[in-house]
Amino acid sequence: MFLMGLTYGPIGTALAGIFPASVRYTGASLAFTLAGILGASLT
């Protein structure tokens, strides 16, 4: 869980950084939630 904290802390800022401001809300939210399906739903 400590490793979880290390990877979870900056991921929001990092995802926001790869999209321009005009689509940043949509892009960061979709990347995060799609990863949730792939990384969580069947794990």
PDB file of all heavy atoms in Angstrom:
ATOM      1  N   MET A   1       0.813  -1.212   0.000  1.00  0.00           N
ATOM      2  CA  MET A   1       0.000   0.000   0.000  1.00  0.00           C
ATOM      3  C   MET A   1       0.852   1.270   0.000  1.00  0.00           C
ATOM      4  O   MET A   1       0.414   2.311  -0.508  1.00  0.00           O
ATOM      5  CB  MET A   1      -0.954  -0.002   1.190  1.00  0.00           C
ATOM      6  CG  MET A   1      -2.049  -1.068   1.081  1.00  0.00           C
ATOM      7  SD  MET A   1      -3.030  -0.936  -0.440  1.00  0.00           S
ATOM      8  CE  MET A   1      -4.166   0.358   0.015  1.00  0.00           C
ATOM      9  N   PHE A   2       2.045   1.185   0.549  1.00  0.00           N
ATOM     10  CA  PHE A   2       2.947   2.333   0.457  1.00  0.00           C
ATOM     11  C   PHE A   2       3.360   2.567  -1.001  1.00  0.00           C
ATOM     12  O   PHE A   2       3.379   3.707  -1.480  1.00  0.00           O
ATOM     13  CB  PHE A   2       4.186   2.114   1.318  1.00  0.00           C
ATOM     14  CG  PHE A   2       5.158   3.267   1.294  1.00  0.00           C
ATOM     15  CD1 PHE A   2       4.846   4.469   1.906  1.00  0.00           C
ATOM     16  CD2 PHE A   2       6.378   3.148   0.646  1.00  0.00           C
ATOM     17  CE1 PHE A   2       5.731   5.543   1.878  1.00  0.00           C
ATOM     18  CE2 PHE A   2       7.265   4.206   0.606  1.00  0.00           C
ATOM     19  CZ  PHE A   2       6.951   5.412   1.230  1.00  0.00           C
ATOM     20  N   LEU A   3       3.653   1.482  -1.711  1.00  0.00           N
ATOM     21  CA  LEU A   3       3.940   1.591  -3.146  1.00  0.00           C
ATOM     22  C   LEU A   3       2.728   2.137  -3.893  1.00  0.00           C
ATOM     23  O   LEU A   3       2.868   2.904  -4.853  1.00  0.00           O
ATOM     24  CB  LEU A   3       4.338   0.234  -3.708  1.00  0.00           C
ATOM     25  CG  LEU A   3       5.726  -0.287  -3.316  1.00  0.00           C
ATOM     26  CD1 LEU A   3       5.895  -1.743  -3.732  1.00  0.00           C
ATOM     27  CD2 LEU A   3       6.821   0.582  -3.954  1.00  0.00           C
ATOM     28  N   MET A   4       1.534   1.746  -3.433  1.00  0.00           N
ATOM     29  CA  MET A   4       0.308   2.276  -4.023  1.00  0.00           C
ATOM     30  C   MET A   4       0.255   3.795  -3.873  1.00  0.00           C
ATOM     31  O   MET A   4      -0.106   4.521  -4.799  1.00  0.00           O
ATOM     32  CB  MET A   4      -0.895   1.621  -3.334  1.00  0.00           C
ATOM     33  CG  MET A   4      -2.243   2.146  -3.785  1.00  0.00           C
ATOM     34  SD  MET A   4      -2.578   1.781  -5.503  1.00  0.00           S
ATOM     35  CE  MET A   4      -3.889   2.981  -5.822  1.00  0.00           C
ATOM     36  N   GLY A   5       0.609   4.285  -2.706  1.00  0.00           N
ATOM     37  CA  GLY A   5       0.630   5.732  -2.486  1.00  0.00           C
ATOM     38  C   GLY A   5       1.629   6.434  -3.388  1.00  0.00           C
ATOM     39  O   GLY A   5       1.357   7.524  -3.907  1.00  0.00           O
ATOM     40  N   LEU A   6       2.791   5.806  -3.600  1.00  0.00           N
ATOM     41  CA  LEU A   6       3.822   6.421  -4.434  1.00  0.00           C
ATOM     42  C   LEU A   6       3.385   6.546  -5.890  1.00  0.00           C
ATOM     43  O   LEU A   6       3.734   7.514  -6.574  1.00  0.00           O
ATOM     44  CB  LEU A   6       5.118   5.606  -4.359  1.00  0.00           C
ATOM     45  CG  LEU A   6       5.837   5.573  -3.002  1.00  0.00           C
ATOM     46  CD1 LEU A   6       7.140   4.804  -3.127  1.00  0.00           C
ATOM     47  CD2 LEU A   6       6.092   6.982  -2.471  1.00  0.00           C
ATOM     48  N   THR A   7       2.625   5.569  -6.381  1.00  0.00           N
ATOM     49  CA  THR A   7       2.180   5.647  -7.772  1.00  0.00           C
ATOM     50  C   THR A   7       0.888   6.447  -7.921  1.00  0.00           C
ATOM     51  O   THR A   7       0.639   7.056  -8.961  1.00  0.00           O
ATOM     52  CB  THR A   7       1.991   4.229  -8.366  1.00  0.00           C
ATOM     53  OG1 THR A   7       1.725   4.327  -9.766  1.00  0.00           O
ATOM     54  CG2 THR A   7       0.852   3.487  -7.709  1.00  0.00           C
ATOM     55  N   TYR A   8       0.064   6.471  -6.870  1.00  0.00           N
ATOM     56  CA  TYR A   8      -1.230   7.154  -6.946  1.00  0.00           C
ATOM     57  C   TYR A   8      -1.094   8.664  -6.774  1.00  0.00           C
ATOM     58  O   TYR A   8      -1.855   9.430  -7.373  1.00  0.00           O
ATOM     59  CB  TYR A   8      -2.154   6.591  -5.873  1.00  0.00           C
ATOM     60  CG  TYR A   8      -3.602   6.978  -6.035  1.00  0.00           C
ATOM     61  CD1 TYR A   8      -4.343   6.536  -7.126  1.00  0.00           C
ATOM     62  CD2 TYR A   8      -4.247   7.771  -5.084  1.00  0.00           C
ATOM     63  CE1 TYR A   8      -5.672   6.891  -7.274  1.00  0.00           C
ATOM     64  CE2 TYR A   8      -5.575   8.121  -5.220  1.00  0.00           C
ATOM     65  CZ  TYR A   8      -6.290   7.673  -6.315  1.00  0.00           C
ATOM     66  OH  TYR A   8      -7.614   8.027  -6.466  1.00  0.00           O
ATOM     67  N   GLY A   9      -0.133   9.100  -5.981  1.00  0.00           N
ATOM     68  CA  GLY A   9      -0.003  10.520  -5.690  1.00  0.00           C
ATOM     69  C   GLY A   9       0.121  11.417  -6.908  1.00  0.00           C
ATOM     70  O   GLY A   9      -0.649  12.375  -7.070  1.00  0.00           O
ATOM     71  N   PRO A  10       1.089  11.151  -7.818  1.00  0.00           N
ATOM     72  CA  PRO A  10       1.283  12.060  -8.956  1.00  0.00           C
ATOM     73  C   PRO A  10       0.473  11.714 -10.197  1.00  0.00           C
ATOM     74  O   PRO A  10       0.545  12.433 -11.188  1.00  0.00           O
ATOM     75  CB  PRO A  10       2.783  11.897  -9.277  1.00  0.00           C
ATOM     76  CG  PRO A  10       3.333  10.939  -8.265  1.00  0.00           C
ATOM     77  CD  PRO A  10       2.186  10.198  -7.696  1.00  0.00           C
ATOM     78  N   ILE A  11      -0.282  10.600 -10.186  1.00  0.00           N
ATOM     79  CA  ILE A  11      -0.891  10.143 -11.440  1.00  0.00           C
ATOM     80  C   ILE A  11      -1.932  11.125 -11.966  1.00  0.00           C
ATOM     81  O   ILE A  11      -2.074  11.312 -13.179  1.00  0.00           O
ATOM     82  CB  ILE A  11      -1.504   8.726 -11.275  1.00  0.00           C
ATOM     83  CG1 ILE A  11      -1.793   8.095 -12.645  1.00  0.00           C
ATOM     84  CG2 ILE A  11      -2.754   8.756 -10.414  1.00  0.00           C
ATOM     85  CD1 ILE A  11      -0.573   7.810 -13.470  1.00  0.00           C
ATOM     86  N   GLY A  12      -2.674  11.791 -11.077  1.00  0.00           N
ATOM     87  CA  GLY A  12      -3.660  12.756 -11.533  1.00  0.00           C
ATOM     88  C   GLY A  12      -3.014  13.930 -12.247  1.00  0.00           C
ATOM     89  O   GLY A  12      -3.446  14.334 -13.335  1.00  0.00           O
ATOM     90  N   THR A  13      -1.965  14.481 -11.661  1.00  0.00           N
ATOM     91  CA  THR A  13      -1.241  15.592 -12.273  1.00  0.00           C
ATOM     92  C   THR A  13      -0.615  15.158 -13.585  1.00  0.00           C
ATOM     93  O   THR A  13      -0.624  15.910 -14.578  1.00  0.00           O
ATOM     94  CB  THR A  13      -0.150  16.104 -11.325  1.00  0.00           C
ATOM     95  OG1 THR A  13      -0.731  16.360 -10.045  1.00  0.00           O
ATOM     96  CG2 THR A  13       0.480  17.378 -11.856  1.00  0.00           C
ATOM     97  N   ALA A  14      -0.071  13.950 -13.625  1.00  0.00           N
ATOM     98  CA  ALA A  14       0.569  13.447 -14.842  1.00  0.00           C
ATOM     99  C   ALA A  14      -0.442  13.262 -15.971  1.00  0.00           C
ATOM    100  O   ALA A  14      -0.183  13.639 -17.119  1.00  0.00           O
ATOM    101  CB  ALA A  14       1.280  12.127 -14.542  1.00  0.00           C
ATOM    102  N   LEU A  15      -1.601  12.711 -15.665  1.00  0.00           N
ATOM    103  CA  LEU A  15      -2.627  12.523 -16.695  1.00  0.00           C
ATOM    104  C   LEU A  15      -3.157  13.856 -17.202  1.00  0.00           C
ATOM    105  O   LEU A  15      -3.387  14.027 -18.407  1.00  0.00           O
ATOM    106  CB  LEU A  15      -3.781  11.676 -16.142  1.00  0.00           C
ATOM    107  CG  LEU A  15      -3.510  10.193 -15.917  1.00  0.00           C
ATOM    108  CD1 LEU A  15      -4.752   9.505 -15.375  1.00  0.00           C
ATOM    109  CD2 LEU A  15      -3.063   9.508 -17.203  1.00  0.00           C
ATOM    110  N   ALA A  16      -3.355  14.801 -16.298  1.00  0.00           N
ATOM    111  CA  ALA A  16      -3.811  16.125 -16.730  1.00  0.00           C
ATOM    112  C   ALA A  16      -2.799  16.780 -17.654  1.00  0.00           C
ATOM    113  O   ALA A  16      -3.166  17.528 -18.565  1.00  0.00           O
ATOM    114  CB  ALA A  16      -4.065  17.004 -15.504  1.00  0.00           C
ATOM    115  N   GLY A  17      -1.511  16.463 -17.439  1.00  0.00           N
ATOM    116  CA  GLY A  17      -0.465  17.104 -18.214  1.00  0.00           C
ATOM    117  C   GLY A  17      -0.372  16.672 -19.659  1.00  0.00           C
ATOM    118  O   GLY A  17       0.188  17.392 -20.489  1.00  0.00           O
ATOM    119  N   ILE A  18      -0.899  15.494 -20.000  1.00  0.00           N
ATOM    120  CA  ILE A  18      -0.721  14.998 -21.375  1.00  0.00           C
ATOM    121  C   ILE A  18      -1.852  15.426 -22.301  1.00  0.00           C
ATOM    122  O   ILE A  18      -1.830  15.093 -23.492  1.00  0.00           O
ATOM    123  CB  ILE A  18      -0.569  13.459 -21.400  1.00  0.00           C
ATOM    124  CG1 ILE A  18      -1.822  12.769 -20.870  1.00  0.00           C
ATOM    125  CG2 ILE A  18       0.655  13.032 -20.606  1.00  0.00           C
ATOM    126  CD1 ILE A  18      -1.746  11.253 -20.938  1.00  0.00           C
ATOM    127  N   PHE A  19      -2.831  16.168 -21.788  1.00  0.00           N
ATOM    128  CA  PHE A  19      -3.926  16.651 -22.624  1.00  0.00           C
ATOM    129  C   PHE A  19      -3.966  18.181 -22.601  1.00  0.00           C
ATOM    130  O   PHE A  19      -3.717  18.793 -21.556  1.00  0.00           O
ATOM    131  CB  PHE A  19      -5.270  16.111 -22.126  1.00  0.00           C
ATOM    132  CG  PHE A  19      -5.422  14.627 -22.238  1.00  0.00           C
ATOM    133  CD1 PHE A  19      -5.165  13.806 -21.145  1.00  0.00           C
ATOM    134  CD2 PHE A  19      -5.798  14.045 -23.444  1.00  0.00           C
ATOM    135  CE1 PHE A  19      -5.293  12.431 -21.245  1.00  0.00           C
ATOM    136  CE2 PHE A  19      -5.933  12.670 -23.552  1.00  0.00           C
ATOM    137  CZ  PHE A  19      -5.674  11.858 -22.464  1.00  0.00           C
ATOM    138  N   PRO A  20      -4.287  18.803 -23.729  1.00  0.00           N
ATOM    139  CA  PRO A  20      -4.443  20.262 -23.730  1.00  0.00           C
ATOM    140  C   PRO A  20      -5.647  20.671 -22.896  1.00  0.00           C
ATOM    141  O   PRO A  20      -6.576  19.871 -22.675  1.00  0.00           O
ATOM    142  CB  PRO A  20      -4.653  20.595 -25.215  1.00  0.00           C
ATOM    143  CG  PRO A  20      -5.180  19.338 -25.824  1.00  0.00           C
ATOM    144  CD  PRO A  20      -4.532  18.216 -25.064  1.00  0.00           C
ATOM    145  N   ALA A  21      -5.658  21.906 -22.433  1.00  0.00           N
ATOM    146  CA  ALA A  21      -6.702  22.366 -21.521  1.00  0.00           C
ATOM    147  C   ALA A  21      -8.099  22.236 -22.112  1.00  0.00           C
ATOM    148  O   ALA A  21      -9.070  22.003 -21.379  1.00  0.00           O
ATOM    149  CB  ALA A  21      -6.434  23.820 -21.123  1.00  0.00           C
ATOM    150  N   SER A  22      -8.225  22.339 -23.416  1.00  0.00           N
ATOM    151  CA  SER A  22      -9.546  22.314 -24.062  1.00  0.00           C
ATOM    152  C   SER A  22     -10.238  20.960 -23.956  1.00  0.00           C
ATOM    153  O   SER A  22     -11.465  20.885 -24.045  1.00  0.00           O
ATOM    154  CB  SER A  22      -9.418  22.717 -25.533  1.00  0.00           C
ATOM    155  OG  SER A  22      -8.531  21.847 -26.207  1.00  0.00           O
ATOM    156  N   VAL A  23      -9.476  19.871 -23.762  1.00  0.00           N
ATOM    157  CA  VAL A  23     -10.077  18.538 -23.614  1.00  0.00           C
ATOM    158  C   VAL A  23      -9.510  17.827 -22.384  1.00  0.00           C
ATOM    159  O   VAL A  23      -9.604  16.608 -22.251  1.00  0.00           O
ATOM    160  CB  VAL A  23      -9.853  17.664 -24.869  1.00  0.00           C
ATOM    161  CG1 VAL A  23     -10.573  18.243 -26.077  1.00  0.00           C
ATOM    162  CG2 VAL A  23      -8.372  17.490 -25.162  1.00  0.00           C
ATOM    163  N   ARG A  24      -8.945  18.578 -21.479  1.00  0.00           N
ATOM    164  CA  ARG A  24      -8.238  17.988 -20.328  1.00  0.00           C
ATOM    165  C   ARG A  24      -9.182  17.258 -19.371  1.00  0.00           C
ATOM    166  O   ARG A  24      -8.839  16.189 -18.859  1.00  0.00           O
ATOM    167  CB  ARG A  24      -7.479  19.086 -19.591  1.00  0.00           C
ATOM    168  CG  ARG A  24      -6.551  18.573 -18.489  1.00  0.00           C
ATOM    169  CD  ARG A  24      -5.738  19.704 -17.921  1.00  0.00           C
ATOM    170  NE  ARG A  24      -4.779  20.197 -18.898  1.00  0.00           N
ATOM    171  CZ  ARG A  24      -4.319  21.442 -18.940  1.00  0.00           C
ATOM    172  NH1 ARG A  24      -4.759  22.332 -18.049  1.00  0.00           N
ATOM    173  NH2 ARG A  24      -3.454  21.801 -19.847  1.00  0.00           N
ATOM    174  N   TYR A  25     -10.340  17.827 -19.110  1.00  0.00           N
ATOM    175  CA  TYR A  25     -11.301  17.183 -18.208  1.00  0.00           C
ATOM    176  C   TYR A  25     -11.702  15.817 -18.775  1.00  0.00           C
ATOM    177  O   TYR A  25     -11.673  14.793 -18.081  1.00  0.00           O
ATOM    178  CB  TYR A  25     -12.533  18.086 -18.059  1.00  0.00           C
ATOM    179  CG  TYR A  25     -13.380  17.841 -16.832  1.00  0.00           C
ATOM    180  CD1 TYR A  25     -13.775  18.906 -16.011  1.00  0.00           C
ATOM    181  CD2 TYR A  25     -13.827  16.564 -16.495  1.00  0.00           C
ATOM    182  CE1 TYR A  25     -14.571  18.701 -14.885  1.00  0.00           C
ATOM    183  CE2 TYR A  25     -14.627  16.356 -15.375  1.00  0.00           C
ATOM    184  CZ  TYR A  25     -14.999  17.432 -14.579  1.00  0.00           C
ATOM    185  OH  TYR A  25     -15.779  17.230 -13.470  1.00  0.00           O
ATOM    186  N   THR A  26     -12.065  15.802 -20.052  1.00  0.00           N
ATOM    187  CA  THR A  26     -12.502  14.562 -20.695  1.00  0.00           C
ATOM    188  C   THR A  26     -11.362  13.563 -20.808  1.00  0.00           C
ATOM    189  O   THR A  26     -11.512  12.380 -20.461  1.00  0.00           O
ATOM    190  CB  THR A  26     -13.057  14.860 -22.100  1.00  0.00           C
ATOM    191  OG1 THR A  26     -14.125  15.806 -21.997  1.00  0.00           O
ATOM    192  CG2 THR A  26     -13.574  13.588 -22.762  1.00  0.00           C
ATOM    193  N   GLY A  27     -10.211  14.015 -21.283  1.00  0.00           N
ATOM    194  CA  GLY A  27      -9.092  13.110 -21.532  1.00  0.00           C
ATOM    195  C   GLY A  27      -8.563  12.466 -20.271  1.00  0.00           C
ATOM    196  O   GLY A  27      -8.397  11.236 -20.207  1.00  0.00           O
ATOM    197  N   ALA A  28      -8.291  13.269 -19.245  1.00  0.00           N
ATOM    198  CA  ALA A  28      -7.756  12.716 -17.994  1.00  0.00           C
ATOM    199  C   ALA A  28      -8.763  11.790 -17.331  1.00  0.00           C
ATOM    200  O   ALA A  28      -8.406  10.717 -16.818  1.00  0.00           O
ATOM    201  CB  ALA A  28      -7.377  13.853 -17.043  1.00  0.00           C
ATOM    202  N   SER A  29     -10.047  12.168 -17.336  1.00  0.00           N
ATOM    203  CA  SER A  29     -11.080  11.345 -16.709  1.00  0.00           C
ATOM    204  C   SER A  29     -11.237  10.013 -17.429  1.00  0.00           C
ATOM    205  O   SER A  29     -11.377   8.953 -16.794  1.00  0.00           O
ATOM    206  CB  SER A  29     -12.421  12.089 -16.702  1.00  0.00           C
ATOM    207  OG  SER A  29     -12.344  13.276 -15.956  1.00  0.00           O
ATOM    208  N   LEU A  30     -11.225  10.039 -18.761  1.00  0.00           N
ATOM    209  CA  LEU A  30     -11.377   8.806 -19.522  1.00  0.00           C
ATOM    210  C   LEU A  30     -10.187   7.870 -19.327  1.00  0.00           C
ATOM    211  O   LEU A  30     -10.361   6.659 -19.153  1.00  0.00           O
ATOM    212  CB  LEU A  30     -11.557   9.120 -21.013  1.00  0.00           C
ATOM    213  CG  LEU A  30     -12.968   9.511 -21.448  1.00  0.00           C
ATOM    214  CD1 LEU A  30     -12.958   9.973 -22.897  1.00  0.00           C
ATOM    215  CD2 LEU A  30     -13.937   8.335 -21.283  1.00  0.00           C
ATOM    216  N   ALA A  31      -8.975   8.409 -19.360  1.00  0.00           N
ATOM    217  CA  ALA A  31      -7.788   7.571 -19.160  1.00  0.00           C
ATOM    218  C   ALA A  31      -7.839   6.891 -17.795  1.00  0.00           C
ATOM    219  O   ALA A  31      -7.563   5.690 -17.663  1.00  0.00           O
ATOM    220  CB  ALA A  31      -6.519   8.406 -19.294  1.00  0.00           C
ATOM    221  N   PHE A  32      -8.230   7.637 -16.781  1.00  0.00           N
ATOM    222  CA  PHE A  32      -8.290   7.108 -15.424  1.00  0.00           C
ATOM    223  C   PHE A  32      -9.367   6.029 -15.289  1.00  0.00           C
ATOM    224  O   PHE A  32      -9.128   4.957 -14.706  1.00  0.00           O
ATOM    225  CB  PHE A  32      -8.564   8.258 -14.452  1.00  0.00           C
ATOM    226  CG  PHE A  32      -8.462   7.891 -12.996  1.00  0.00           C
ATOM    227  CD1 PHE A  32      -7.226   7.733 -12.391  1.00  0.00           C
ATOM    228  CD2 PHE A  32      -9.603   7.726 -12.221  1.00  0.00           C
ATOM    229  CE1 PHE A  32      -7.115   7.411 -11.041  1.00  0.00           C
ATOM    230  CE2 PHE A  32      -9.508   7.402 -10.873  1.00  0.00           C
ATOM    231  CZ  PHE A  32      -8.263   7.235 -10.284  1.00  0.00           C
ATOM    232  N   THR A  33     -10.552   6.287 -15.833  1.00  0.00           N
ATOM    233  CA  THR A  33     -11.653   5.342 -15.661  1.00  0.00           C
ATOM    234  C   THR A  33     -11.509   4.113 -16.556  1.00  0.00           C
ATOM    235  O   THR A  33     -11.903   3.010 -16.162  1.00  0.00           O
ATOM    236  CB  THR A  33     -13.005   6.025 -15.923  1.00  0.00           C
ATOM    237  OG1 THR A  33     -12.991   6.645 -17.217  1.00  0.00           O
ATOM    238  CG2 THR A  33     -13.292   7.075 -14.873  1.00  0.00           C
ATOM    239  N   LEU A  34     -10.958   4.276 -17.748  1.00  0.00           N
ATOM    240  CA  LEU A  34     -10.706   3.113 -18.607  1.00  0.00           C
ATOM    241  C   LEU A  34      -9.660   2.206 -17.977  1.00  0.00           C
ATOM    242  O   LEU A  34      -9.761   0.974 -18.041  1.00  0.00           O
ATOM    243  CB  LEU A  34     -10.258   3.561 -20.000  1.00  0.00           C
ATOM    244  CG  LEU A  34     -11.334   4.223 -20.871  1.00  0.00           C
ATOM    245  CD1 LEU A  34     -10.722   4.761 -22.159  1.00  0.00           C
ATOM    246  CD2 LEU A  34     -12.458   3.225 -21.192  1.00  0.00           C
ATOM    247  N   ALA A  35      -8.662   2.803 -17.354  1.00  0.00           N
ATOM    248  CA  ALA A  35      -7.665   2.013 -16.628  1.00  0.00           C
ATOM    249  C   ALA A  35      -8.318   1.260 -15.474  1.00  0.00           C
ATOM    250  O   ALA A  35      -7.897   0.149 -15.134  1.00  0.00           O
ATOM    251  CB  ALA A  35      -6.552   2.914 -16.107  1.00  0.00           C
ATOM    252  N   GLY A  36      -9.351   1.851 -14.888  1.00  0.00           N
ATOM    253  CA  GLY A  36     -10.077   1.181 -13.814  1.00  0.00           C
ATOM    254  C   GLY A  36     -10.743  -0.097 -14.288  1.00  0.00           C
ATOM    255  O   GLY A  36     -10.723  -1.116 -13.594  1.00  0.00           O
ATOM    256  N   ILE A  37     -11.330  -0.053 -15.496  1.00  0.00           N
ATOM    257  CA  ILE A  37     -11.945  -1.265 -16.037  1.00  0.00           C
ATOM    258  C   ILE A  37     -10.889  -2.333 -16.292  1.00  0.00           C
ATOM    259  O   ILE A  37     -11.034  -3.496 -15.905  1.00  0.00           O
ATOM    260  CB  ILE A  37     -12.701  -0.945 -17.346  1.00  0.00           C
ATOM    261  CG1 ILE A  37     -13.926  -0.084 -17.046  1.00  0.00           C
ATOM    262  CG2 ILE A  37     -13.126  -2.238 -18.045  1.00  0.00           C
ATOM    263  CD1 ILE A  37     -14.713   0.297 -18.278  1.00  0.00           C
ATOM    264  N   LEU A  38      -9.781  -1.947 -16.935  1.00  0.00           N
ATOM    265  CA  LEU A  38      -8.747  -2.908 -17.306  1.00  0.00           C
ATOM    266  C   LEU A  38      -7.960  -3.403 -16.097  1.00  0.00           C
ATOM    267  O   LEU A  38      -7.546  -4.566 -16.044  1.00  0.00           O
ATOM    268  CB  LEU A  38      -7.785  -2.272 -18.317  1.00  0.00           C
ATOM    269  CG  LEU A  38      -8.410  -1.880 -19.663  1.00  0.00           C
ATOM    270  CD1 LEU A  38      -7.404  -1.114 -20.512  1.00  0.00           C
ATOM    271  CD2 LEU A  38      -8.897  -3.116 -20.408  1.00  0.00           C
ATOM    272  N   GLY A  39      -7.756  -2.521 -15.120  1.00  0.00           N
ATOM    273  CA  GLY A  39      -6.904  -2.887 -14.001  1.00  0.00           C
ATOM    274  C   GLY A  39      -7.633  -3.330 -12.759  1.00  0.00           C
ATOM    275  O   GLY A  39      -7.014  -3.900 -11.859  1.00  0.00           O
ATOM    276  N   ALA A  40      -8.958  -3.105 -12.681  1.00  0.00           N
ATOM    277  CA  ALA A  40      -9.667  -3.390 -11.431  1.00  0.00           C
ATOM    278  C   ALA A  40     -10.815  -4.370 -11.572  1.00  0.00           C
ATOM    279  O   ALA A  40     -10.988  -5.239 -10.724  1.00  0.00           O
ATOM    280  CB  ALA A  40     -10.193  -2.084 -10.840  1.00  0.00           C
ATOM    281  N   SER A  41     -11.610  -4.244 -12.632  1.00  0.00           N
ATOM    282  CA  SER A  41     -12.881  -4.970 -12.672  1.00  0.00           C
ATOM    283  C   SER A  41     -12.716  -6.482 -12.598  1.00  0.00           C
ATOM    284  O   SER A  41     -13.503  -7.176 -11.943  1.00  0.00           O
ATOM    285  CB  SER A  41     -13.659  -4.586 -13.941  1.00  0.00           C
ATOM    286  OG  SER A  41     -12.901  -4.900 -15.104  1.00  0.00           O
ATOM    287  N   LEU A  42     -11.699  -7.032 -13.267  1.00  0.00           N
ATOM    288  CA  LEU A  42     -11.514  -8.482 -13.295  1.00  0.00           C
ATOM    289  C   LEU A  42     -10.338  -8.963 -12.449  1.00  0.00           C
ATOM    290  O   LEU A  42     -10.104 -10.164 -12.346  1.00  0.00           O
ATOM    291  CB  LEU A  42     -11.307  -8.949 -14.743  1.00  0.00           C
ATOM    292  CG  LEU A  42     -12.481  -8.712 -15.704  1.00  0.00           C
ATOM    293  CD1 LEU A  42     -12.110  -9.170 -17.113  1.00  0.00           C
ATOM    294  CD2 LEU A  42     -13.733  -9.440 -15.223  1.00  0.00           C
ATOM    295  N   THR A  43      -9.616  -8.034 -11.845  1.00  0.00           N
ATOM    296  CA  THR A  43      -8.384  -8.399 -11.131  1.00  0.00           C
ATOM    297  C   THR A  43      -8.606  -9.396  -9.989  1.00  0.00           C
ATOM    298  O   THR A  43      -7.892 -10.410  -9.923  1.00  0.00           O
ATOM    299  CB  THR A  43      -7.683  -7.130 -10.618  1.00  0.00           C
ATOM    300  OG1 THR A  43      -7.128  -6.441 -11.743  1.00  0.00           O
ATOM    301  CG2 THR A  43      -6.561  -7.477  -9.652  1.00  0.00           C
TER     302      THR A  43
END
